[in-house]
């Protein structure tokens, strides 16, 4: 039934050594950032004086990486199921940021909310609406644009995905705004202290939210009936259908979850950076796709890891005064990883389908 050729391993489990390797890599990244801060000739900081700034940049890298990871999960889920690189996924993220902007401005918010209960309620509403709307948009896109092309040559759905991306981008350009839009930053600019570490409330919220969604996705895929259907479809679609799996429903569910995660990332984009624009999805989507390939396309854990790696690469480039080269550094790292490990960081070798 299977041959010895290499193939992807979708929705792979987390190796037991991964936490130790991740912790070691975070320590190395922190010291690289710290050395970059000390090496900045414009500041003349001492070792002790550079630590707070290094901590801030480290937390900033984790936050940005969390946003990329959320977007990358949608890319890798869709590829794991139907082997489609959904280039419209970045525009789903962009539309999610505009849904959040519309909701918050419609409700009359323009700045930070000081009432904790009101803040929690508004955040829940913003994420629920954005994730639901973008999830439905993802399902509609799959139904109208991709379903009929599942058995077509691979170039056809790829071009279709690019076309859908331009359609979404131009809808926002014409219907909403062709310039930068300011999003209400409703989370107060509060700094929390945990011993020697200080972290902004918005950073902590973003990191906890992203990790929580990733863990929830992992549990859903590994422990639920629908998750098992997704995994079986990713491994062998025809065999899964023979075993009673509803392929259309499973693929639609995958698009819904991936698009909902991109919608959540769009909300975080507005809350953290305070702006959005109609073409923001191109760059974010390209980097998220890079994250998915870097970690191992079709592997959700790898996609999340790739997002954090790109966040750190961008921040380290900026700390060392080479911010304009950050994209070159990111894609250079991608090339190096693919040269020495073509399946990505967490890519696995399994038997291919016969």
C-alpha atoms as a PDB file:
ATOM      1  CA  UNK A   1       0.000   0.000   0.000  1.00  0.00           C
ATOM      2  CA  UNK A   2       2.967   2.306   0.615  1.00  0.00           C
ATOM      3  CA  UNK A   3       6.387   2.705  -0.964  1.00  0.00           C
ATOM      4  CA  UNK A   4       9.714   3.728   0.533  1.00  0.00           C
ATOM      5  CA  UNK A   5       9.725   7.215  -0.932  1.00  0.00           C
ATOM      6  CA  UNK A   6       9.709  10.248   1.345  1.00  0.00           C
ATOM      7  CA  UNK A   7       6.579  12.157   2.163  1.00  0.00           C
ATOM      8  CA  UNK A   8       5.341  14.729   4.618  1.00  0.00           C
ATOM      9  CA  UNK A   9       3.974  13.805   8.019  1.00  0.00           C
ATOM     10  CA  UNK A  10       0.971  16.064   8.654  1.00  0.00           C
ATOM     11  CA  UNK A  11      -0.028  17.019  12.185  1.00  0.00           C
ATOM     12  CA  UNK A  12       3.019  15.317  13.666  1.00  0.00           C
ATOM     13  CA  UNK A  13       3.461  14.850  17.390  1.00  0.00           C
ATOM     14  CA  UNK A  14       5.922  16.930  19.382  1.00  0.00           C
ATOM     15  CA  UNK A  15       9.245  15.089  19.988  1.00  0.00           C
ATOM     16  CA  UNK A  16      10.132  14.731  23.664  1.00  0.00           C
ATOM     17  CA  UNK A  17      13.418  16.597  23.153  1.00  0.00           C
ATOM     18  CA  UNK A  18      11.747  19.575  21.521  1.00  0.00           C
ATOM     19  CA  UNK A  19      11.161  21.575  24.747  1.00  0.00           C
ATOM     20  CA  UNK A  20      14.831  21.237  25.739  1.00  0.00           C
ATOM     21  CA  UNK A  21      16.024  22.291  22.296  1.00  0.00           C
ATOM     22  CA  UNK A  22      13.552  25.204  22.251  1.00  0.00           C
ATOM     23  CA  UNK A  23      14.711  26.397  25.685  1.00  0.00           C
ATOM     24  CA  UNK A  24      18.357  26.255  24.604  1.00  0.00           C
ATOM     25  CA  UNK A  25      17.551  28.157  21.396  1.00  0.00           C
ATOM     26  CA  UNK A  26      15.684  30.867  23.354  1.00  0.00           C
ATOM     27  CA  UNK A  27      18.696  31.337  25.646  1.00  0.00           C
ATOM     28  CA  UNK A  28      21.004  31.676  22.640  1.00  0.00           C
ATOM     29  CA  UNK A  29      18.613  34.146  20.988  1.00  0.00           C
ATOM     30  CA  UNK A  30      18.452  36.243  24.174  1.00  0.00           C
ATOM     31  CA  UNK A  31      22.224  36.515  24.390  1.00  0.00           C
ATOM     32  CA  UNK A  32      22.485  37.404  20.696  1.00  0.00           C
ATOM     33  CA  UNK A  33      19.977  40.210  21.287  1.00  0.00           C
ATOM     34  CA  UNK A  34      21.845  41.326  24.419  1.00  0.00           C
ATOM     35  CA  UNK A  35      25.159  41.462  22.571  1.00  0.00           C
ATOM     36  CA  UNK A  36      23.480  43.419  19.771  1.00  0.00           C
ATOM     37  CA  UNK A  37      22.175  45.985  22.264  1.00  0.00           C
ATOM     38  CA  UNK A  38      25.633  46.299  23.850  1.00  0.00           C
ATOM     39  CA  UNK A  39      27.238  46.689  20.432  1.00  0.00           C
ATOM     40  CA  UNK A  40      25.017  49.630  19.496  1.00  0.00           C
ATOM     41  CA  UNK A  41      27.429  52.595  19.345  1.00  0.00           C
ATOM     42  CA  UNK A  42      24.641  55.162  19.689  1.00  0.00           C
ATOM     43  CA  UNK A  43      23.662  54.079  23.214  1.00  0.00           C
ATOM     44  CA  UNK A  44      26.920  53.275  25.084  1.00  0.00           C
ATOM     45  CA  UNK A  45      25.103  50.995  27.528  1.00  0.00           C
ATOM     46  CA  UNK A  46      26.723  48.952  30.260  1.00  0.00           C
ATOM     47  CA  UNK A  47      25.941  45.260  30.630  1.00  0.00           C
ATOM     48  CA  UNK A  48      23.440  45.932  33.412  1.00  0.00           C
ATOM     49  CA  UNK A  49      21.897  48.846  31.540  1.00  0.00           C
ATOM     50  CA  UNK A  50      21.431  46.777  28.392  1.00  0.00           C
ATOM     51  CA  UNK A  51      19.467  43.996  30.098  1.00  0.00           C
ATOM     52  CA  UNK A  52      16.061  45.805  30.232  1.00  0.00           C
ATOM     53  CA  UNK A  53      16.270  46.740  26.565  1.00  0.00           C
ATOM     54  CA  UNK A  54      17.326  43.221  25.617  1.00  0.00           C
ATOM     55  CA  UNK A  55      14.364  41.835  27.560  1.00  0.00           C
ATOM     56  CA  UNK A  56      12.000  44.204  25.765  1.00  0.00           C
ATOM     57  CA  UNK A  57      13.354  43.177  22.356  1.00  0.00           C
ATOM     58  CA  UNK A  58      13.181  39.492  23.312  1.00  0.00           C
ATOM     59  CA  UNK A  59       9.523  39.829  24.291  1.00  0.00           C
ATOM     60  CA  UNK A  60       8.863  41.806  21.111  1.00  0.00           C
ATOM     61  CA  UNK A  61      10.344  38.943  19.068  1.00  0.00           C
ATOM     62  CA  UNK A  62       8.126  36.390  20.806  1.00  0.00           C
ATOM     63  CA  UNK A  63       5.068  38.574  20.218  1.00  0.00           C
ATOM     64  CA  UNK A  64       5.750  39.086  16.512  1.00  0.00           C
ATOM     65  CA  UNK A  65       6.567  35.402  16.144  1.00  0.00           C
ATOM     66  CA  UNK A  66       3.246  34.500  17.758  1.00  0.00           C
ATOM     67  CA  UNK A  67       1.382  36.512  15.108  1.00  0.00           C
ATOM     68  CA  UNK A  68       3.303  34.824  12.284  1.00  0.00           C
ATOM     69  CA  UNK A  69       2.703  31.423  13.885  1.00  0.00           C
ATOM     70  CA  UNK A  70      -1.068  31.914  13.960  1.00  0.00           C
ATOM     71  CA  UNK A  71      -1.105  32.786  10.264  1.00  0.00           C
ATOM     72  CA  UNK A  72       1.278  29.959   9.354  1.00  0.00           C
ATOM     73  CA  UNK A  73      -0.967  27.359  10.974  1.00  0.00           C
ATOM     74  CA  UNK A  74      -3.642  28.020   8.347  1.00  0.00           C
ATOM     75  CA  UNK A  75      -1.147  27.581   5.516  1.00  0.00           C
ATOM     76  CA  UNK A  76       0.155  24.283   6.809  1.00  0.00           C
ATOM     77  CA  UNK A  77      -3.285  22.866   7.687  1.00  0.00           C
ATOM     78  CA  UNK A  78      -4.611  23.451   4.174  1.00  0.00           C
ATOM     79  CA  UNK A  79      -1.467  22.046   2.579  1.00  0.00           C
ATOM     80  CA  UNK A  80      -1.563  19.035   4.870  1.00  0.00           C
ATOM     81  CA  UNK A  81      -5.103  18.203   3.754  1.00  0.00           C
ATOM     82  CA  UNK A  82      -5.206  18.981   0.024  1.00  0.00           C
ATOM     83  CA  UNK A  83      -1.591  19.936  -0.815  1.00  0.00           C
ATOM     84  CA  UNK A  84      -2.656  23.446  -1.810  1.00  0.00           C
ATOM     85  CA  UNK A  85      -0.564  26.529  -1.058  1.00  0.00           C
ATOM     86  CA  UNK A  86      -3.381  28.954  -0.274  1.00  0.00           C
ATOM     87  CA  UNK A  87      -1.818  32.296  -1.165  1.00  0.00           C
ATOM     88  CA  UNK A  88      -5.118  33.996  -0.316  1.00  0.00           C
ATOM     89  CA  UNK A  89      -4.519  33.173   3.347  1.00  0.00           C
ATOM     90  CA  UNK A  90      -2.559  36.379   3.945  1.00  0.00           C
ATOM     91  CA  UNK A  91      -5.543  38.392   2.739  1.00  0.00           C
ATOM     92  CA  UNK A  92      -7.766  36.477   5.174  1.00  0.00           C
ATOM     93  CA  UNK A  93      -5.473  37.826   7.906  1.00  0.00           C
ATOM     94  CA  UNK A  94      -5.788  41.336   6.461  1.00  0.00           C
ATOM     95  CA  UNK A  95      -9.581  41.107   6.288  1.00  0.00           C
ATOM     96  CA  UNK A  96      -9.641  39.911   9.898  1.00  0.00           C
ATOM     97  CA  UNK A  97      -7.822  43.058  10.985  1.00  0.00           C
ATOM     98  CA  UNK A  98     -10.403  45.177   9.156  1.00  0.00           C
ATOM     99  CA  UNK A  99     -13.299  43.257  10.738  1.00  0.00           C
ATOM    100  CA  UNK A 100     -11.795  44.015  14.150  1.00  0.00           C
ATOM    101  CA  UNK A 101     -11.278  47.683  13.210  1.00  0.00           C
ATOM    102  CA  UNK A 102     -14.882  47.991  11.997  1.00  0.00           C
ATOM    103  CA  UNK A 103     -16.319  46.362  15.107  1.00  0.00           C
ATOM    104  CA  UNK A 104     -14.318  48.441  17.589  1.00  0.00           C
ATOM    105  CA  UNK A 105     -14.989  51.729  15.829  1.00  0.00           C
ATOM    106  CA  UNK A 106     -18.679  50.884  15.421  1.00  0.00           C
ATOM    107  CA  UNK A 107     -18.905  50.259  19.152  1.00  0.00           C
ATOM    108  CA  UNK A 108     -17.401  53.705  19.713  1.00  0.00           C
ATOM    109  CA  UNK A 109     -13.988  52.769  21.129  1.00  0.00           C
ATOM    110  CA  UNK A 110     -11.002  54.915  20.262  1.00  0.00           C
ATOM    111  CA  UNK A 111      -8.436  54.098  22.948  1.00  0.00           C
ATOM    112  CA  UNK A 112      -7.600  51.973  25.955  1.00  0.00           C
ATOM    113  CA  UNK A 113     -10.426  50.546  28.073  1.00  0.00           C
ATOM    114  CA  UNK A 114      -9.751  50.940  31.790  1.00  0.00           C
ATOM    115  CA  UNK A 115     -12.628  48.780  33.046  1.00  0.00           C
ATOM    116  CA  UNK A 116     -11.295  45.172  33.197  1.00  0.00           C
ATOM    117  CA  UNK A 117     -14.696  43.508  32.779  1.00  0.00           C
ATOM    118  CA  UNK A 118     -15.601  45.698  29.823  1.00  0.00           C
ATOM    119  CA  UNK A 119     -12.181  45.081  28.279  1.00  0.00           C
ATOM    120  CA  UNK A 120     -12.561  41.300  28.584  1.00  0.00           C
ATOM    121  CA  UNK A 121     -16.049  41.422  27.099  1.00  0.00           C
ATOM    122  CA  UNK A 122     -14.971  43.567  24.139  1.00  0.00           C
ATOM    123  CA  UNK A 123     -11.947  41.353  23.456  1.00  0.00           C
ATOM    124  CA  UNK A 124     -14.077  38.207  23.494  1.00  0.00           C
ATOM    125  CA  UNK A 125     -16.557  39.860  21.132  1.00  0.00           C
ATOM    126  CA  UNK A 126     -13.834  41.114  18.773  1.00  0.00           C
ATOM    127  CA  UNK A 127     -12.129  37.737  18.517  1.00  0.00           C
ATOM    128  CA  UNK A 128     -15.396  35.815  18.251  1.00  0.00           C
ATOM    129  CA  UNK A 129     -16.746  38.018  15.452  1.00  0.00           C
ATOM    130  CA  UNK A 130     -13.484  38.200  13.509  1.00  0.00           C
ATOM    131  CA  UNK A 131     -12.759  34.474  13.778  1.00  0.00           C
ATOM    132  CA  UNK A 132     -16.340  33.527  12.857  1.00  0.00           C
ATOM    133  CA  UNK A 133     -16.520  35.898   9.876  1.00  0.00           C
ATOM    134  CA  UNK A 134     -13.127  34.909   8.510  1.00  0.00           C
ATOM    135  CA  UNK A 135     -13.844  31.228   9.099  1.00  0.00           C
ATOM    136  CA  UNK A 136     -17.008  31.541   7.000  1.00  0.00           C
ATOM    137  CA  UNK A 137     -15.089  33.472   4.325  1.00  0.00           C
ATOM    138  CA  UNK A 138     -12.522  30.669   4.219  1.00  0.00           C
ATOM    139  CA  UNK A 139     -15.236  28.031   3.752  1.00  0.00           C
ATOM    140  CA  UNK A 140     -16.878  30.093   0.985  1.00  0.00           C
ATOM    141  CA  UNK A 141     -13.535  30.483  -0.799  1.00  0.00           C
ATOM    142  CA  UNK A 142     -12.920  26.736  -0.608  1.00  0.00           C
ATOM    143  CA  UNK A 143     -16.411  25.966  -1.917  1.00  0.00           C
ATOM    144  CA  UNK A 144     -16.421  28.431  -4.804  1.00  0.00           C
ATOM    145  CA  UNK A 145     -12.757  28.614  -5.847  1.00  0.00           C
ATOM    146  CA  UNK A 146     -10.936  25.443  -4.841  1.00  0.00           C
ATOM    147  CA  UNK A 147     -13.319  22.479  -4.617  1.00  0.00           C
ATOM    148  CA  UNK A 148     -13.697  21.959  -8.356  1.00  0.00           C
ATOM    149  CA  UNK A 149      -9.918  22.135  -8.809  1.00  0.00           C
ATOM    150  CA  UNK A 150      -8.901  19.364  -6.403  1.00  0.00           C
ATOM    151  CA  UNK A 151      -8.045  16.962  -9.215  1.00  0.00           C
ATOM    152  CA  UNK A 152      -6.805  19.629 -11.628  1.00  0.00           C
ATOM    153  CA  UNK A 153      -3.112  20.169 -12.428  1.00  0.00           C
ATOM    154  CA  UNK A 154      -1.392  21.871  -9.487  1.00  0.00           C
ATOM    155  CA  UNK A 155      -0.828  25.109 -11.386  1.00  0.00           C
ATOM    156  CA  UNK A 156      -4.588  25.740 -11.692  1.00  0.00           C
ATOM    157  CA  UNK A 157      -5.423  26.001  -7.940  1.00  0.00           C
ATOM    158  CA  UNK A 158      -2.177  27.910  -7.349  1.00  0.00           C
ATOM    159  CA  UNK A 159      -3.150  30.592  -9.868  1.00  0.00           C
ATOM    160  CA  UNK A 160      -6.684  30.580  -8.491  1.00  0.00           C
ATOM    161  CA  UNK A 161      -5.346  31.218  -4.978  1.00  0.00           C
ATOM    162  CA  UNK A 162      -3.339  34.186  -6.233  1.00  0.00           C
ATOM    163  CA  UNK A 163      -6.452  35.485  -8.001  1.00  0.00           C
ATOM    164  CA  UNK A 164      -8.554  35.173  -4.831  1.00  0.00           C
ATOM    165  CA  UNK A 165      -5.837  37.079  -2.976  1.00  0.00           C
ATOM    166  CA  UNK A 166      -6.069  39.983  -5.420  1.00  0.00           C
ATOM    167  CA  UNK A 167      -9.874  39.917  -5.270  1.00  0.00           C
ATOM    168  CA  UNK A 168      -9.941  40.236  -1.474  1.00  0.00           C
ATOM    169  CA  UNK A 169      -7.281  42.918  -1.513  1.00  0.00           C
ATOM    170  CA  UNK A 170      -9.128  45.011  -4.090  1.00  0.00           C
ATOM    171  CA  UNK A 171     -12.474  44.618  -2.323  1.00  0.00           C
ATOM    172  CA  UNK A 172     -10.970  46.176   0.802  1.00  0.00           C
ATOM    173  CA  UNK A 173      -9.128  48.790  -1.314  1.00  0.00           C
ATOM    174  CA  UNK A 174     -12.333  49.958  -3.016  1.00  0.00           C
ATOM    175  CA  UNK A 175     -14.937  49.401  -0.307  1.00  0.00           C
ATOM    176  CA  UNK A 176     -13.091  50.491   2.835  1.00  0.00           C
ATOM    177  CA  UNK A 177      -9.817  52.371   2.427  1.00  0.00           C
ATOM    178  CA  UNK A 178      -6.775  52.624   0.176  1.00  0.00           C
ATOM    179  CA  UNK A 179      -4.548  54.016   2.939  1.00  0.00           C
ATOM    180  CA  UNK A 180      -3.414  53.145   6.447  1.00  0.00           C
ATOM    181  CA  UNK A 181      -6.268  52.777   8.939  1.00  0.00           C
ATOM    182  CA  UNK A 182      -5.779  53.376  12.659  1.00  0.00           C
ATOM    183  CA  UNK A 183      -7.146  50.572  14.825  1.00  0.00           C
ATOM    184  CA  UNK A 184      -8.248  51.338  18.413  1.00  0.00           C
ATOM    185  CA  UNK A 185      -5.717  49.890  20.858  1.00  0.00           C
ATOM    186  CA  UNK A 186      -8.137  49.014  23.609  1.00  0.00           C
ATOM    187  CA  UNK A 187      -5.623  47.164  25.817  1.00  0.00           C
ATOM    188  CA  UNK A 188      -4.008  49.612  28.293  1.00  0.00           C
ATOM    189  CA  UNK A 189      -0.287  50.280  27.963  1.00  0.00           C
ATOM    190  CA  UNK A 190       0.367  48.606  31.311  1.00  0.00           C
ATOM    191  CA  UNK A 191       3.717  47.095  32.245  1.00  0.00           C
ATOM    192  CA  UNK A 192       3.706  44.008  34.460  1.00  0.00           C
ATOM    193  CA  UNK A 193       6.663  42.962  36.602  1.00  0.00           C
ATOM    194  CA  UNK A 194       7.545  39.339  37.341  1.00  0.00           C
ATOM    195  CA  UNK A 195      10.661  39.476  39.467  1.00  0.00           C
ATOM    196  CA  UNK A 196      13.470  40.841  37.261  1.00  0.00           C
ATOM    197  CA  UNK A 197      11.349  40.586  34.110  1.00  0.00           C
ATOM    198  CA  UNK A 198       8.994  43.305  32.870  1.00  0.00           C
ATOM    199  CA  UNK A 199       6.465  42.663  30.127  1.00  0.00           C
ATOM    200  CA  UNK A 200       3.749  44.794  28.589  1.00  0.00           C
ATOM    201  CA  UNK A 201       0.161  43.692  29.054  1.00  0.00           C
ATOM    202  CA  UNK A 202      -0.426  43.610  25.296  1.00  0.00           C
ATOM    203  CA  UNK A 203       2.661  41.411  24.811  1.00  0.00           C
ATOM    204  CA  UNK A 204       1.590  39.000  27.523  1.00  0.00           C
ATOM    205  CA  UNK A 205      -1.945  38.871  26.137  1.00  0.00           C
ATOM    206  CA  UNK A 206      -0.717  38.176  22.598  1.00  0.00           C
ATOM    207  CA  UNK A 207       1.691  35.433  23.648  1.00  0.00           C
ATOM    208  CA  UNK A 208      -0.797  33.697  25.958  1.00  0.00           C
ATOM    209  CA  UNK A 209      -3.546  33.912  23.337  1.00  0.00           C
ATOM    210  CA  UNK A 210      -1.368  32.512  20.563  1.00  0.00           C
ATOM    211  CA  UNK A 211       0.011  29.663  22.665  1.00  0.00           C
ATOM    212  CA  UNK A 212      -3.494  28.888  23.953  1.00  0.00           C
ATOM    213  CA  UNK A 213      -4.903  28.685  20.422  1.00  0.00           C
ATOM    214  CA  UNK A 214      -2.000  26.489  19.310  1.00  0.00           C
ATOM    215  CA  UNK A 215      -2.492  24.109  22.222  1.00  0.00           C
ATOM    216  CA  UNK A 216      -6.254  24.016  21.591  1.00  0.00           C
ATOM    217  CA  UNK A 217      -5.628  23.227  17.923  1.00  0.00           C
ATOM    218  CA  UNK A 218      -3.179  20.462  18.835  1.00  0.00           C
ATOM    219  CA  UNK A 219      -5.662  18.904  21.256  1.00  0.00           C
ATOM    220  CA  UNK A 220      -8.490  19.192  18.726  1.00  0.00           C
ATOM    221  CA  UNK A 221      -6.474  17.475  15.997  1.00  0.00           C
ATOM    222  CA  UNK A 222      -5.096  14.729  18.222  1.00  0.00           C
ATOM    223  CA  UNK A 223      -8.041  13.913  20.500  1.00  0.00           C
ATOM    224  CA  UNK A 224     -11.326  14.551  18.707  1.00  0.00           C
ATOM    225  CA  UNK A 225     -13.245  12.586  16.091  1.00  0.00           C
ATOM    226  CA  UNK A 226     -13.105  15.466  13.611  1.00  0.00           C
ATOM    227  CA  UNK A 227      -9.386  15.820  14.258  1.00  0.00           C
ATOM    228  CA  UNK A 228      -8.868  12.134  13.472  1.00  0.00           C
ATOM    229  CA  UNK A 229     -10.847  12.634  10.277  1.00  0.00           C
ATOM    230  CA  UNK A 230      -8.527  15.513   9.340  1.00  0.00           C
ATOM    231  CA  UNK A 231      -5.428  13.421  10.018  1.00  0.00           C
ATOM    232  CA  UNK A 232      -6.717  10.448   8.050  1.00  0.00           C
ATOM    233  CA  UNK A 233      -7.663  12.701   5.132  1.00  0.00           C
ATOM    234  CA  UNK A 234      -4.189  14.230   5.158  1.00  0.00           C
ATOM    235  CA  UNK A 235      -2.531  10.803   5.078  1.00  0.00           C
ATOM    236  CA  UNK A 236      -4.713   9.207   2.379  1.00  0.00           C
ATOM    237  CA  UNK A 237      -7.833  10.978   1.139  1.00  0.00           C
ATOM    238  CA  UNK A 238      -9.200   8.058  -0.863  1.00  0.00           C
ATOM    239  CA  UNK A 239      -8.737   5.549   1.952  1.00  0.00           C
ATOM    240  CA  UNK A 240     -10.323   7.937   4.444  1.00  0.00           C
ATOM    241  CA  UNK A 241     -13.346   8.312   2.184  1.00  0.00           C
ATOM    242  CA  UNK A 242     -13.686   4.530   1.931  1.00  0.00           C
ATOM    243  CA  UNK A 243     -13.658   4.378   5.740  1.00  0.00           C
ATOM    244  CA  UNK A 244     -16.631   6.746   5.918  1.00  0.00           C
ATOM    245  CA  UNK A 245     -14.946  10.134   6.335  1.00  0.00           C
ATOM    246  CA  UNK A 246     -16.882  12.991   4.707  1.00  0.00           C
ATOM    247  CA  UNK A 247     -14.065  14.542   2.687  1.00  0.00           C
ATOM    248  CA  UNK A 248     -15.917  17.734   1.736  1.00  0.00           C
ATOM    249  CA  UNK A 249     -16.911  18.449   5.331  1.00  0.00           C
ATOM    250  CA  UNK A 250     -13.406  17.698   6.610  1.00  0.00           C
ATOM    251  CA  UNK A 251     -11.745  19.990   4.090  1.00  0.00           C
ATOM    252  CA  UNK A 252     -14.306  22.744   4.751  1.00  0.00           C
ATOM    253  CA  UNK A 253     -13.625  22.406   8.490  1.00  0.00           C
ATOM    254  CA  UNK A 254      -9.898  22.727   7.840  1.00  0.00           C
ATOM    255  CA  UNK A 255     -10.450  25.950   5.901  1.00  0.00           C
ATOM    256  CA  UNK A 256     -12.729  27.246   8.647  1.00  0.00           C
ATOM    257  CA  UNK A 257     -10.204  26.627  11.428  1.00  0.00           C
ATOM    258  CA  UNK A 258      -7.238  27.941   9.457  1.00  0.00           C
ATOM    259  CA  UNK A 259      -9.102  31.086   8.405  1.00  0.00           C
ATOM    260  CA  UNK A 260     -10.396  31.624  11.945  1.00  0.00           C
ATOM    261  CA  UNK A 261      -6.828  31.529  13.259  1.00  0.00           C
ATOM    262  CA  UNK A 262      -5.823  34.067  10.612  1.00  0.00           C
ATOM    263  CA  UNK A 263      -8.759  36.220  11.744  1.00  0.00           C
ATOM    264  CA  UNK A 264      -7.479  36.033  15.326  1.00  0.00           C
ATOM    265  CA  UNK A 265      -4.038  37.087  14.115  1.00  0.00           C
ATOM    266  CA  UNK A 266      -5.679  40.038  12.352  1.00  0.00           C
ATOM    267  CA  UNK A 267      -7.254  41.183  15.610  1.00  0.00           C
ATOM    268  CA  UNK A 268      -3.885  40.926  17.370  1.00  0.00           C
ATOM    269  CA  UNK A 269      -2.279  42.894  14.528  1.00  0.00           C
ATOM    270  CA  UNK A 270      -4.561  45.830  15.183  1.00  0.00           C
ATOM    271  CA  UNK A 271      -4.292  45.669  18.968  1.00  0.00           C
ATOM    272  CA  UNK A 272      -0.479  45.428  18.950  1.00  0.00           C
ATOM    273  CA  UNK A 273       0.560  47.716  16.099  1.00  0.00           C
ATOM    274  CA  UNK A 274      -2.494  50.003  16.072  1.00  0.00           C
ATOM    275  CA  UNK A 275      -2.751  50.099  12.276  1.00  0.00           C
ATOM    276  CA  UNK A 276      -3.854  48.043   9.311  1.00  0.00           C
ATOM    277  CA  UNK A 277      -3.858  48.572   5.554  1.00  0.00           C
ATOM    278  CA  UNK A 278      -5.303  46.803   2.524  1.00  0.00           C
ATOM    279  CA  UNK A 279      -1.958  45.326   1.363  1.00  0.00           C
ATOM    280  CA  UNK A 280      -0.688  44.162   4.750  1.00  0.00           C
ATOM    281  CA  UNK A 281      -1.669  40.585   3.969  1.00  0.00           C
ATOM    282  CA  UNK A 282       0.927  40.144   1.218  1.00  0.00           C
ATOM    283  CA  UNK A 283       4.019  40.581   3.388  1.00  0.00           C
ATOM    284  CA  UNK A 284       2.497  38.855   6.415  1.00  0.00           C
ATOM    285  CA  UNK A 285       1.249  35.970   4.288  1.00  0.00           C
ATOM    286  CA  UNK A 286       4.596  35.568   2.557  1.00  0.00           C
ATOM    287  CA  UNK A 287       6.436  35.414   5.882  1.00  0.00           C
ATOM    288  CA  UNK A 288       3.856  33.044   7.348  1.00  0.00           C
ATOM    289  CA  UNK A 289       4.221  30.780   4.318  1.00  0.00           C
ATOM    290  CA  UNK A 290       7.988  30.928   4.827  1.00  0.00           C
ATOM    291  CA  UNK A 291       7.422  29.970   8.473  1.00  0.00           C
ATOM    292  CA  UNK A 292       5.332  26.970   7.417  1.00  0.00           C
ATOM    293  CA  UNK A 293       8.005  25.781   4.967  1.00  0.00           C
ATOM    294  CA  UNK A 294      10.798  26.490   7.438  1.00  0.00           C
ATOM    295  CA  UNK A 295       9.184  24.414  10.164  1.00  0.00           C
ATOM    296  CA  UNK A 296       7.992  21.666   7.814  1.00  0.00           C
ATOM    297  CA  UNK A 297       5.046  22.252   5.509  1.00  0.00           C
ATOM    298  CA  UNK A 298       2.063  20.185   6.597  1.00  0.00           C
ATOM    299  CA  UNK A 299       3.320  20.040  10.194  1.00  0.00           C
ATOM    300  CA  UNK A 300       1.366  22.299  12.568  1.00  0.00           C
ATOM    301  CA  UNK A 301       4.030  22.230  15.281  1.00  0.00           C
ATOM    302  CA  UNK A 302       6.666  23.077  12.703  1.00  0.00           C
ATOM    303  CA  UNK A 303       4.586  25.981  11.385  1.00  0.00           C
ATOM    304  CA  UNK A 304       4.320  27.476  14.876  1.00  0.00           C
ATOM    305  CA  UNK A 305       8.055  26.995  15.403  1.00  0.00           C
ATOM    306  CA  UNK A 306       8.812  28.632  12.061  1.00  0.00           C
ATOM    307  CA  UNK A 307       6.715  31.664  13.002  1.00  0.00           C
ATOM    308  CA  UNK A 308       8.701  32.221  16.190  1.00  0.00           C
ATOM    309  CA  UNK A 309      11.994  31.713  14.351  1.00  0.00           C
ATOM    310  CA  UNK A 310      11.085  34.433  11.850  1.00  0.00           C
ATOM    311  CA  UNK A 311      10.026  36.777  14.657  1.00  0.00           C
ATOM    312  CA  UNK A 312      13.424  36.390  16.304  1.00  0.00           C
ATOM    313  CA  UNK A 313      15.326  36.753  13.028  1.00  0.00           C
ATOM    314  CA  UNK A 314      13.569  40.051  12.285  1.00  0.00           C
ATOM    315  CA  UNK A 315      14.159  41.476  15.763  1.00  0.00           C
ATOM    316  CA  UNK A 316      17.798  40.325  15.878  1.00  0.00           C
ATOM    317  CA  UNK A 317      18.402  41.977  12.497  1.00  0.00           C
ATOM    318  CA  UNK A 318      16.929  45.241  13.790  1.00  0.00           C
ATOM    319  CA  UNK A 319      18.885  45.105  17.065  1.00  0.00           C
ATOM    320  CA  UNK A 320      22.118  44.686  15.145  1.00  0.00           C
ATOM    321  CA  UNK A 321      21.272  47.714  13.005  1.00  0.00           C
ATOM    322  CA  UNK A 322      20.404  45.702   9.897  1.00  0.00           C
ATOM    323  CA  UNK A 323      16.624  46.051   9.924  1.00  0.00           C
ATOM    324  CA  UNK A 324      16.534  46.778   6.203  1.00  0.00           C
ATOM    325  CA  UNK A 325      18.102  43.364   5.621  1.00  0.00           C
ATOM    326  CA  UNK A 326      15.639  41.483   7.843  1.00  0.00           C
ATOM    327  CA  UNK A 327      13.740  39.929   4.939  1.00  0.00           C
ATOM    328  CA  UNK A 328      16.990  38.850   3.294  1.00  0.00           C
ATOM    329  CA  UNK A 329      18.039  37.224   6.571  1.00  0.00           C
ATOM    330  CA  UNK A 330      14.702  35.412   6.870  1.00  0.00           C
ATOM    331  CA  UNK A 331      14.768  34.009   3.342  1.00  0.00           C
ATOM    332  CA  UNK A 332      18.474  33.256   3.602  1.00  0.00           C
ATOM    333  CA  UNK A 333      17.750  31.129   6.661  1.00  0.00           C
ATOM    334  CA  UNK A 334      14.970  29.390   4.725  1.00  0.00           C
ATOM    335  CA  UNK A 335      17.380  28.532   1.911  1.00  0.00           C
ATOM    336  CA  UNK A 336      19.968  27.170   4.354  1.00  0.00           C
ATOM    337  CA  UNK A 337      17.439  25.005   6.154  1.00  0.00           C
ATOM    338  CA  UNK A 338      16.008  23.616   2.917  1.00  0.00           C
ATOM    339  CA  UNK A 339      19.480  22.871   1.537  1.00  0.00           C
ATOM    340  CA  UNK A 340      20.460  20.761   4.531  1.00  0.00           C
ATOM    341  CA  UNK A 341      16.966  19.549   5.531  1.00  0.00           C
ATOM    342  CA  UNK A 342      14.540  19.778   2.589  1.00  0.00           C
ATOM    343  CA  UNK A 343      11.545  18.686   4.692  1.00  0.00           C
ATOM    344  CA  UNK A 344      11.985  21.623   7.116  1.00  0.00           C
ATOM    345  CA  UNK A 345      13.042  21.712  10.753  1.00  0.00           C
ATOM    346  CA  UNK A 346      10.393  19.267  11.979  1.00  0.00           C
ATOM    347  CA  UNK A 347       9.694  17.567   8.660  1.00  0.00           C
ATOM    348  CA  UNK A 348       9.475  13.793   8.849  1.00  0.00           C
ATOM    349  CA  UNK A 349      10.040  10.933   6.445  1.00  0.00           C
ATOM    350  CA  UNK A 350       7.177   8.512   5.928  1.00  0.00           C
ATOM    351  CA  UNK A 351       6.052   6.116   3.250  1.00  0.00           C
ATOM    352  CA  UNK A 352       4.259   7.725   0.331  1.00  0.00           C
ATOM    353  CA  UNK A 353       0.800   6.815  -0.843  1.00  0.00           C
ATOM    354  CA  UNK A 354       0.653   4.155  -3.498  1.00  0.00           C
END
